[in-house]
């Protein structure tokens, strides 16, 4: 299930992992630069307090993160309720995110 998007930069582009297209395993390390999380307000699998702690820690480590909450949606709302307004909004945000990342 797709509920978050992230971009990982920079990577060394020279180690075996980078050459294999697995930048997230770069031997030189990586910096997670941006994440967009799409969550429902009724998501019991990912309590809001946990999300808030993650967002704070990620930002403190230098990453950018956006947390978008969709009123009334539960965990997995993309697949459980694919025709809901929340799902339509979340997919539109993901498409916008991907377009920004691709430049």
C-alpha atoms as a PDB file:
ATOM      1  CA  UNK A   1       0.000   0.000   0.000  1.00  0.00           C
ATOM      2  CA  UNK A   2       1.344   3.381  -0.965  1.00  0.00           C
ATOM      3  CA  UNK A   3       0.903   5.901   1.794  1.00  0.00           C
ATOM      4  CA  UNK A   4       4.143   7.816   1.844  1.00  0.00           C
ATOM      5  CA  UNK A   5       6.677   9.068  -0.600  1.00  0.00           C
ATOM      6  CA  UNK A   6      10.278   9.904   0.021  1.00  0.00           C
ATOM      7  CA  UNK A   7      13.284  11.097  -1.858  1.00  0.00           C
ATOM      8  CA  UNK A   8      16.736   9.992  -0.789  1.00  0.00           C
ATOM      9  CA  UNK A   9      19.697  12.203  -1.619  1.00  0.00           C
ATOM     10  CA  UNK A  10      22.591  12.428  -1.855  1.00  0.00           C
ATOM     11  CA  UNK A  11      24.287   9.167  -2.592  1.00  0.00           C
ATOM     12  CA  UNK A  12      27.833   8.540  -3.733  1.00  0.00           C
ATOM     13  CA  UNK A  13      26.735   7.051  -7.087  1.00  0.00           C
ATOM     14  CA  UNK A  14      29.903   4.955  -7.136  1.00  0.00           C
ATOM     15  CA  UNK A  15      29.420   2.100  -4.634  1.00  0.00           C
ATOM     16  CA  UNK A  16      27.896  -1.230  -5.665  1.00  0.00           C
ATOM     17  CA  UNK A  17      24.507  -0.340  -4.157  1.00  0.00           C
ATOM     18  CA  UNK A  18      24.264   2.989  -5.991  1.00  0.00           C
ATOM     19  CA  UNK A  19      25.328   1.413  -9.271  1.00  0.00           C
ATOM     20  CA  UNK A  20      22.602  -1.199  -8.783  1.00  0.00           C
ATOM     21  CA  UNK A  21      19.990   1.541  -8.325  1.00  0.00           C
ATOM     22  CA  UNK A  22      19.700   0.892  -4.592  1.00  0.00           C
ATOM     23  CA  UNK A  23      20.678   4.342  -3.366  1.00  0.00           C
ATOM     24  CA  UNK A  24      18.900   3.772  -0.055  1.00  0.00           C
ATOM     25  CA  UNK A  25      21.702   1.293   0.741  1.00  0.00           C
ATOM     26  CA  UNK A  26      24.539   3.637  -0.253  1.00  0.00           C
ATOM     27  CA  UNK A  27      27.738   2.634   1.498  1.00  0.00           C
ATOM     28  CA  UNK A  28      28.548   6.321   1.905  1.00  0.00           C
ATOM     29  CA  UNK A  29      25.290   6.888   3.752  1.00  0.00           C
ATOM     30  CA  UNK A  30      22.227   8.814   2.669  1.00  0.00           C
ATOM     31  CA  UNK A  31      20.154  11.759   3.745  1.00  0.00           C
ATOM     32  CA  UNK A  32      16.396  11.374   3.694  1.00  0.00           C
ATOM     33  CA  UNK A  33      15.380  14.765   2.409  1.00  0.00           C
ATOM     34  CA  UNK A  34      11.620  14.711   2.067  1.00  0.00           C
ATOM     35  CA  UNK A  35       8.670  12.598   3.043  1.00  0.00           C
ATOM     36  CA  UNK A  36       4.970  13.074   2.538  1.00  0.00           C
ATOM     37  CA  UNK A  37       2.762  10.972   4.776  1.00  0.00           C
ATOM     38  CA  UNK A  38      -0.909  10.518   3.956  1.00  0.00           C
ATOM     39  CA  UNK A  39      -2.795   9.222   7.013  1.00  0.00           C
ATOM     40  CA  UNK A  40      -6.413   8.948   8.113  1.00  0.00           C
ATOM     41  CA  UNK A  41      -7.612  10.521  11.370  1.00  0.00           C
ATOM     42  CA  UNK A  42      -9.139   7.162  12.361  1.00  0.00           C
ATOM     43  CA  UNK A  43      -5.932   5.189  11.705  1.00  0.00           C
ATOM     44  CA  UNK A  44      -5.507   3.020  14.805  1.00  0.00           C
ATOM     45  CA  UNK A  45      -2.465   1.158  13.462  1.00  0.00           C
ATOM     46  CA  UNK A  46      -0.388   4.370  13.449  1.00  0.00           C
ATOM     47  CA  UNK A  47      -1.364   6.438  16.504  1.00  0.00           C
ATOM     48  CA  UNK A  48      -1.123  10.200  16.059  1.00  0.00           C
ATOM     49  CA  UNK A  49       1.367  10.520  18.929  1.00  0.00           C
ATOM     50  CA  UNK A  50       3.735   8.124  17.126  1.00  0.00           C
ATOM     51  CA  UNK A  51       3.406  10.104  13.894  1.00  0.00           C
ATOM     52  CA  UNK A  52       4.102  13.365  15.707  1.00  0.00           C
ATOM     53  CA  UNK A  53       7.228  11.882  17.360  1.00  0.00           C
ATOM     54  CA  UNK A  54       8.472  10.598  14.003  1.00  0.00           C
ATOM     55  CA  UNK A  55       7.875  13.956  12.293  1.00  0.00           C
ATOM     56  CA  UNK A  56       9.697  15.819  15.073  1.00  0.00           C
ATOM     57  CA  UNK A  57      12.664  13.416  15.015  1.00  0.00           C
ATOM     58  CA  UNK A  58      12.876  13.451  11.215  1.00  0.00           C
ATOM     59  CA  UNK A  59      12.878  17.246  11.131  1.00  0.00           C
ATOM     60  CA  UNK A  60      15.451  17.412  13.932  1.00  0.00           C
ATOM     61  CA  UNK A  61      17.693  15.138  11.840  1.00  0.00           C
ATOM     62  CA  UNK A  62      17.431  17.624   8.964  1.00  0.00           C
ATOM     63  CA  UNK A  63      14.744  15.996   6.850  1.00  0.00           C
ATOM     64  CA  UNK A  64      11.679  17.664   5.427  1.00  0.00           C
ATOM     65  CA  UNK A  65       8.386  15.970   6.115  1.00  0.00           C
ATOM     66  CA  UNK A  66       4.741  16.764   5.529  1.00  0.00           C
ATOM     67  CA  UNK A  67       1.992  14.944   7.369  1.00  0.00           C
ATOM     68  CA  UNK A  68      -1.437  15.201   5.793  1.00  0.00           C
ATOM     69  CA  UNK A  69      -4.384  13.846   7.756  1.00  0.00           C
ATOM     70  CA  UNK A  70      -7.633  12.864   6.086  1.00  0.00           C
ATOM     71  CA  UNK A  71     -10.722  13.251   8.252  1.00  0.00           C
ATOM     72  CA  UNK A  72     -12.569  10.014   8.950  1.00  0.00           C
ATOM     73  CA  UNK A  73     -10.199   7.760   7.017  1.00  0.00           C
ATOM     74  CA  UNK A  74      -8.714   4.628   8.601  1.00  0.00           C
ATOM     75  CA  UNK A  75      -5.396   2.843   8.088  1.00  0.00           C
ATOM     76  CA  UNK A  76      -5.100   1.557   4.557  1.00  0.00           C
ATOM     77  CA  UNK A  77      -7.803   3.861   3.277  1.00  0.00           C
ATOM     78  CA  UNK A  78      -6.243   3.838  -0.193  1.00  0.00           C
ATOM     79  CA  UNK A  79      -7.234   0.210  -0.647  1.00  0.00           C
ATOM     80  CA  UNK A  80     -10.133  -0.064   1.804  1.00  0.00           C
ATOM     81  CA  UNK A  81     -11.968   2.956   0.430  1.00  0.00           C
ATOM     82  CA  UNK A  82     -10.497   3.695  -3.014  1.00  0.00           C
ATOM     83  CA  UNK A  83     -13.361   5.962  -4.116  1.00  0.00           C
ATOM     84  CA  UNK A  84     -13.445   8.193  -1.049  1.00  0.00           C
ATOM     85  CA  UNK A  85     -12.733  11.908  -1.175  1.00  0.00           C
ATOM     86  CA  UNK A  86      -9.738  11.329   1.129  1.00  0.00           C
ATOM     87  CA  UNK A  87      -8.255   8.811  -1.294  1.00  0.00           C
ATOM     88  CA  UNK A  88      -8.777  11.156  -4.242  1.00  0.00           C
ATOM     89  CA  UNK A  89      -7.108  14.006  -2.346  1.00  0.00           C
ATOM     90  CA  UNK A  90      -4.220  11.821  -1.197  1.00  0.00           C
ATOM     91  CA  UNK A  91      -3.551  10.511  -4.707  1.00  0.00           C
ATOM     92  CA  UNK A  92      -3.590  14.063  -6.050  1.00  0.00           C
ATOM     93  CA  UNK A  93      -1.006  15.073  -3.404  1.00  0.00           C
ATOM     94  CA  UNK A  94       1.186  12.072  -4.261  1.00  0.00           C
ATOM     95  CA  UNK A  95       1.063  12.924  -7.967  1.00  0.00           C
ATOM     96  CA  UNK A  96       1.968  16.532  -7.162  1.00  0.00           C
ATOM     97  CA  UNK A  97       4.832  15.318  -4.958  1.00  0.00           C
ATOM     98  CA  UNK A  98       6.233  13.061  -7.690  1.00  0.00           C
ATOM     99  CA  UNK A  99       6.050  15.859 -10.259  1.00  0.00           C
ATOM    100  CA  UNK A 100       7.943  18.214  -7.909  1.00  0.00           C
ATOM    101  CA  UNK A 101      10.617  15.600  -7.318  1.00  0.00           C
ATOM    102  CA  UNK A 102      11.061  14.923 -11.015  1.00  0.00           C
ATOM    103  CA  UNK A 103      11.426  18.644 -11.682  1.00  0.00           C
END
